[in-house]
């Protein structure tokens, strides 16, 4: 059973990070918070929604958004957050996929003061050992993740150029990510990523802003083990989700 929270405790431990507001969906669904705390959370969620609207309105550019999200993620007290969300209950009795990731979701109930159409979406990815969130880039999206449990090999690439059947990329990050570590993605920086679980039952929490500007939004799957060209660049073949899962899931 969760301990009682004071308003001061809530602000210090819960409102301190962007991760927390997304995870509040799980809390709300379990009726873990009092009405007073729900109202506080609803006000903060509304402010975050306004910030994401500023991103889409170009009042905040994508690089600025990435920097601000990473600053917020750096304040996360992960063990405390896992207690708040009752992580064991959320992830109990799940069956991970043979290939790729399992997406876990929680429905946000109606709360007074909370916008009914939040700009942010979210999901928790669950993976077994050697399974991957397969390599893909993003069109017209800004996303961020934090490792909730387990260890991953995380790879990022800058997306330099698009050809009809290929994407020109260059590696930017290739390292292990443990619990509490995070990264962000936008059209402008580290657009392509690929995460492979190094242990059983590893979990990533992801948030995403779709349609940062008018136009198509979504994933573009690639094979990053493509032709090496000058300047450390790679000509990566564009593929569909089925082939990406077969190769790397």
Protein backbone atom coordinates (compact mmCIF):
# COMPACT_ATOMS: atom_id res chain seq x y z
CA UNK A 1 0.00 0.00 0.00
CA UNK A 2 1.33 3.45 -0.90
CA UNK A 3 2.22 5.83 1.96
CA UNK A 4 0.30 9.06 2.48
CA UNK A 5 1.78 12.03 0.61
CA UNK A 6 1.87 15.62 1.77
CA UNK A 7 1.54 18.42 -0.75
CA UNK A 8 5.23 19.24 -0.18
CA UNK A 9 6.28 15.62 -0.74
CA UNK A 10 4.23 15.45 -3.90
CA UNK A 11 5.84 18.55 -5.37
CA UNK A 12 9.35 17.42 -4.48
CA UNK A 13 9.12 13.83 -5.63
CA UNK A 14 6.36 13.76 -8.24
CA UNK A 15 6.19 17.12 -9.96
CA UNK A 16 9.96 17.18 -10.33
CA UNK A 17 10.08 15.45 -13.72
CA UNK A 18 8.34 15.11 -17.04
CA UNK A 19 8.38 11.35 -16.58
CA UNK A 20 6.13 11.63 -13.54
CA UNK A 21 3.18 13.25 -15.27
CA UNK A 22 3.07 10.52 -17.87
CA UNK A 23 3.24 7.80 -15.26
CA UNK A 24 0.39 9.42 -13.34
CA UNK A 25 -2.01 7.60 -15.62
CA UNK A 26 -1.19 4.36 -13.84
CA UNK A 27 -1.64 6.01 -10.48
CA UNK A 28 -4.98 7.50 -11.36
CA UNK A 29 -6.28 4.22 -12.73
CA UNK A 30 -5.46 2.58 -9.40
CA UNK A 31 -7.03 5.37 -7.35
CA UNK A 32 -3.68 5.74 -5.55
CA UNK A 33 -3.94 9.52 -5.14
CA UNK A 34 -6.35 11.65 -3.15
CA UNK A 35 -8.63 14.15 -4.86
CA UNK A 36 -6.36 16.96 -3.72
CA UNK A 37 -3.30 15.39 -5.34
CA UNK A 38 -5.27 14.62 -8.50
CA UNK A 39 -6.11 18.32 -8.76
CA UNK A 40 -2.45 19.29 -8.35
CA UNK A 41 -1.41 16.77 -10.99
CA UNK A 42 -4.15 17.95 -13.35
CA UNK A 43 -2.88 21.55 -13.11
CA UNK A 44 0.68 20.48 -13.84
CA UNK A 45 -0.39 18.26 -16.72
CA UNK A 46 -2.22 21.24 -18.20
CA UNK A 47 0.98 23.30 -18.02
CA UNK A 48 2.95 20.54 -19.76
CA UNK A 49 0.25 20.34 -22.39
CA UNK A 50 0.66 24.06 -23.01
CA UNK A 51 4.43 23.56 -23.37
CA UNK A 52 3.93 20.88 -25.99
CA UNK A 53 1.53 23.16 -27.82
CA UNK A 54 4.29 25.80 -27.79
CA UNK A 55 6.58 23.24 -29.43
CA UNK A 56 4.06 22.60 -32.18
CA UNK A 57 3.47 26.36 -32.56
CA UNK A 58 7.25 26.86 -32.97
CA UNK A 59 7.47 29.00 -29.84
CA UNK A 60 9.85 26.33 -28.59
CA UNK A 61 12.16 24.65 -31.11
CA UNK A 62 12.91 20.94 -31.06
CA UNK A 63 16.48 21.27 -29.75
CA UNK A 64 15.23 23.44 -26.88
CA UNK A 65 12.55 20.84 -26.14
CA UNK A 66 15.16 18.08 -26.02
CA UNK A 67 17.39 20.05 -23.64
CA UNK A 68 14.52 20.89 -21.31
CA UNK A 69 13.23 17.32 -21.21
CA UNK A 70 16.71 15.98 -20.47
CA UNK A 71 17.09 18.49 -17.64
CA UNK A 72 13.81 17.27 -16.18
CA UNK A 73 14.72 13.61 -16.61
CA UNK A 74 17.98 14.25 -14.75
CA UNK A 75 15.96 15.05 -11.61
CA UNK A 76 14.06 11.73 -11.56
CA UNK A 77 14.24 9.69 -8.33
CA UNK A 78 13.63 6.40 -10.07
CA UNK A 79 13.12 4.13 -7.02
CA UNK A 80 10.56 6.56 -5.64
CA UNK A 81 8.79 6.74 -9.00
CA UNK A 82 8.61 2.97 -9.22
CA UNK A 83 6.96 2.91 -5.78
CA UNK A 84 4.50 5.62 -6.83
CA UNK A 85 3.38 3.71 -9.92
CA UNK A 86 3.30 0.28 -8.26
CA UNK A 87 5.60 -0.94 -11.00
CA UNK A 88 5.39 -4.59 -9.94
CA UNK A 89 1.62 -4.59 -10.39
CA UNK A 90 1.82 -2.79 -13.74
CA UNK A 91 4.26 -5.34 -15.15
CA UNK A 92 3.07 -8.53 -13.49
CA UNK A 93 1.70 -11.42 -15.56
CA UNK A 94 2.77 -9.94 -18.87
CA UNK A 95 3.88 -12.03 -21.83
CA UNK A 96 6.62 -10.36 -23.82
CA UNK A 97 6.82 -10.82 -27.59
CA UNK A 98 9.04 -13.32 -29.37
CA UNK A 99 10.29 -10.46 -31.54
CA UNK A 100 10.36 -6.75 -30.75
CA UNK A 101 8.73 -4.97 -27.84
CA UNK A 102 5.45 -5.27 -25.97
CA UNK A 103 3.70 -1.92 -25.46
CA UNK A 104 1.97 -1.39 -22.09
CA UNK A 105 -0.61 1.36 -21.64
CA UNK A 106 -2.85 2.76 -18.93
CA UNK A 107 -6.00 4.79 -19.45
CA UNK A 108 -6.18 8.24 -17.90
CA UNK A 109 -9.55 8.79 -16.21
CA UNK A 110 -11.43 12.06 -16.29
CA UNK A 111 -9.98 14.51 -13.74
CA UNK A 112 -11.32 18.01 -13.13
CA UNK A 113 -8.96 20.61 -14.54
CA UNK A 114 -7.15 18.23 -16.86
CA UNK A 115 -7.38 18.78 -20.65
CA UNK A 116 -9.26 15.98 -22.34
CA UNK A 117 -6.93 15.95 -25.35
CA UNK A 118 -3.33 15.99 -24.17
CA UNK A 119 -0.74 16.63 -26.86
CA UNK A 120 1.65 14.08 -25.36
CA UNK A 121 1.27 10.36 -25.86
CA UNK A 122 3.10 7.67 -23.89
CA UNK A 123 3.85 3.96 -23.60
CA UNK A 124 5.99 1.51 -21.66
CA UNK A 125 8.01 -0.95 -23.75
CA UNK A 126 8.72 -4.39 -22.26
CA UNK A 127 11.41 -6.59 -23.81
CA UNK A 128 13.21 -9.84 -23.08
CA UNK A 129 16.93 -10.40 -23.52
CA UNK A 130 18.30 -9.64 -27.01
CA UNK A 131 14.93 -8.29 -28.16
CA UNK A 132 14.94 -4.78 -29.61
CA UNK A 133 13.03 -1.64 -30.17
CA UNK A 134 14.11 -1.95 -33.78
CA UNK A 135 16.11 0.72 -35.62
CA UNK A 136 13.88 3.51 -36.86
CA UNK A 137 13.80 7.22 -37.51
CA UNK A 138 10.96 9.64 -36.93
CA UNK A 139 9.08 11.95 -39.24
CA UNK A 140 7.69 15.06 -37.58
CA UNK A 141 7.97 13.76 -33.99
CA UNK A 142 9.72 14.67 -30.75
CA UNK A 143 10.14 11.79 -28.33
CA UNK A 144 11.95 10.95 -25.10
CA UNK A 145 12.55 7.84 -23.05
CA UNK A 146 13.92 6.72 -19.70
CA UNK A 147 15.02 3.22 -18.66
CA UNK A 148 12.73 1.95 -15.91
CA UNK A 149 14.35 -1.44 -15.34
CA UNK A 150 17.10 -3.52 -16.90
CA UNK A 151 19.97 -2.64 -19.20
CA UNK A 152 20.06 -1.81 -22.88
CA UNK A 153 22.56 -1.18 -25.62
CA UNK A 154 21.35 2.10 -27.07
CA UNK A 155 22.35 3.44 -30.46
CA UNK A 156 21.43 6.79 -31.99
CA UNK A 157 22.12 8.26 -35.41
CA UNK A 158 21.71 11.68 -36.94
CA UNK A 159 19.52 11.60 -40.03
CA UNK A 160 21.46 13.61 -42.61
CA UNK A 161 19.62 13.05 -45.87
CA UNK A 162 16.79 11.05 -47.43
CA UNK A 163 16.93 9.26 -50.74
CA UNK A 164 13.94 7.43 -52.29
CA UNK A 165 15.03 4.02 -50.94
CA UNK A 166 17.73 4.97 -48.44
CA UNK A 167 18.50 7.24 -45.49
CA UNK A 168 21.96 8.74 -45.01
CA UNK A 169 22.86 8.52 -41.31
CA UNK A 170 25.86 8.99 -39.05
CA UNK A 171 26.34 7.34 -35.63
CA UNK A 172 26.10 9.68 -32.62
CA UNK A 173 25.59 7.41 -29.57
CA UNK A 174 26.50 3.78 -28.92
CA UNK A 175 26.63 2.80 -25.24
CA UNK A 176 24.92 0.89 -22.46
CA UNK A 177 21.92 2.49 -20.77
CA UNK A 178 20.90 1.49 -17.24
CA UNK A 179 17.95 2.35 -14.99
CA UNK A 180 17.27 6.08 -14.80
CA UNK A 181 19.26 6.92 -17.93
CA UNK A 182 17.50 8.70 -20.75
CA UNK A 183 17.68 10.20 -24.22
CA UNK A 184 15.61 12.33 -26.57
CA UNK A 185 14.86 12.34 -30.29
CA UNK A 186 13.71 15.01 -32.72
CA UNK A 187 13.81 15.77 -36.42
CA UNK A 188 16.87 17.92 -35.72
CA UNK A 189 19.04 15.71 -33.48
CA UNK A 190 19.56 11.96 -32.88
CA UNK A 191 16.56 11.20 -35.06
CA UNK A 192 17.20 7.45 -35.44
CA UNK A 193 17.46 5.09 -32.47
CA UNK A 194 17.75 1.38 -31.71
CA UNK A 195 17.62 -0.24 -28.27
CA UNK A 196 18.45 -3.87 -27.53
CA UNK A 197 17.80 -5.43 -24.12
CA UNK A 198 20.85 -6.91 -22.42
CA UNK A 199 18.80 -8.75 -19.78
CA UNK A 200 15.41 -10.37 -19.28
CA UNK A 201 12.39 -8.17 -18.66
CA UNK A 202 13.80 -4.76 -19.44
CA UNK A 203 11.48 -1.74 -19.57
CA UNK A 204 11.60 1.66 -21.30
CA UNK A 205 9.16 4.49 -20.69
CA UNK A 206 8.51 6.64 -23.77
CA UNK A 207 6.68 9.90 -24.37
CA UNK A 208 6.02 11.36 -27.80
CA UNK A 209 4.74 14.53 -29.41
CA UNK A 210 3.20 13.77 -32.78
CA UNK A 211 2.87 16.25 -35.67
CA UNK A 212 5.33 18.84 -34.40
CA UNK A 213 4.44 20.69 -37.59
CA UNK A 214 1.65 20.06 -40.11
CA UNK A 215 2.18 16.99 -42.24
CA UNK A 216 2.91 13.28 -42.02
CA UNK A 217 4.14 11.86 -38.73
CA UNK A 218 5.41 8.40 -37.88
CA UNK A 219 8.29 5.94 -37.89
CA UNK A 220 10.68 5.17 -40.75
CA UNK A 221 12.34 1.76 -40.32
CA UNK A 222 15.86 1.28 -41.62
CA UNK A 223 18.70 -1.25 -41.80
CA UNK A 224 21.59 0.69 -40.22
CA UNK A 225 24.14 -1.93 -41.30
CA UNK A 226 24.27 -0.46 -44.76
CA UNK A 227 26.90 0.84 -47.17
CA UNK A 228 29.66 2.86 -45.45
CA UNK A 229 30.37 6.07 -47.32
CA UNK A 230 32.66 9.05 -46.74
CA UNK A 231 32.84 10.94 -43.47
CA UNK A 232 31.68 8.05 -41.31
CA UNK A 233 28.24 8.11 -42.92
CA UNK A 234 26.09 5.09 -43.73
CA UNK A 235 23.59 4.66 -46.58
CA UNK A 236 20.87 2.73 -44.73
CA UNK A 237 18.17 0.92 -46.65
CA UNK A 238 14.56 1.88 -45.80
CA UNK A 239 12.54 -1.20 -44.84
CA UNK A 240 9.12 -2.02 -43.40
CA UNK A 241 8.30 -3.04 -39.82
CA UNK A 242 8.08 -6.74 -40.67
CA UNK A 243 11.59 -6.85 -42.11
CA UNK A 244 12.96 -4.68 -39.29
CA UNK A 245 11.52 -7.09 -36.72
CA UNK A 246 12.89 -10.09 -38.62
CA UNK A 247 16.38 -8.58 -38.78
CA UNK A 248 16.65 -6.88 -35.41
CA UNK A 249 13.56 -7.53 -33.26
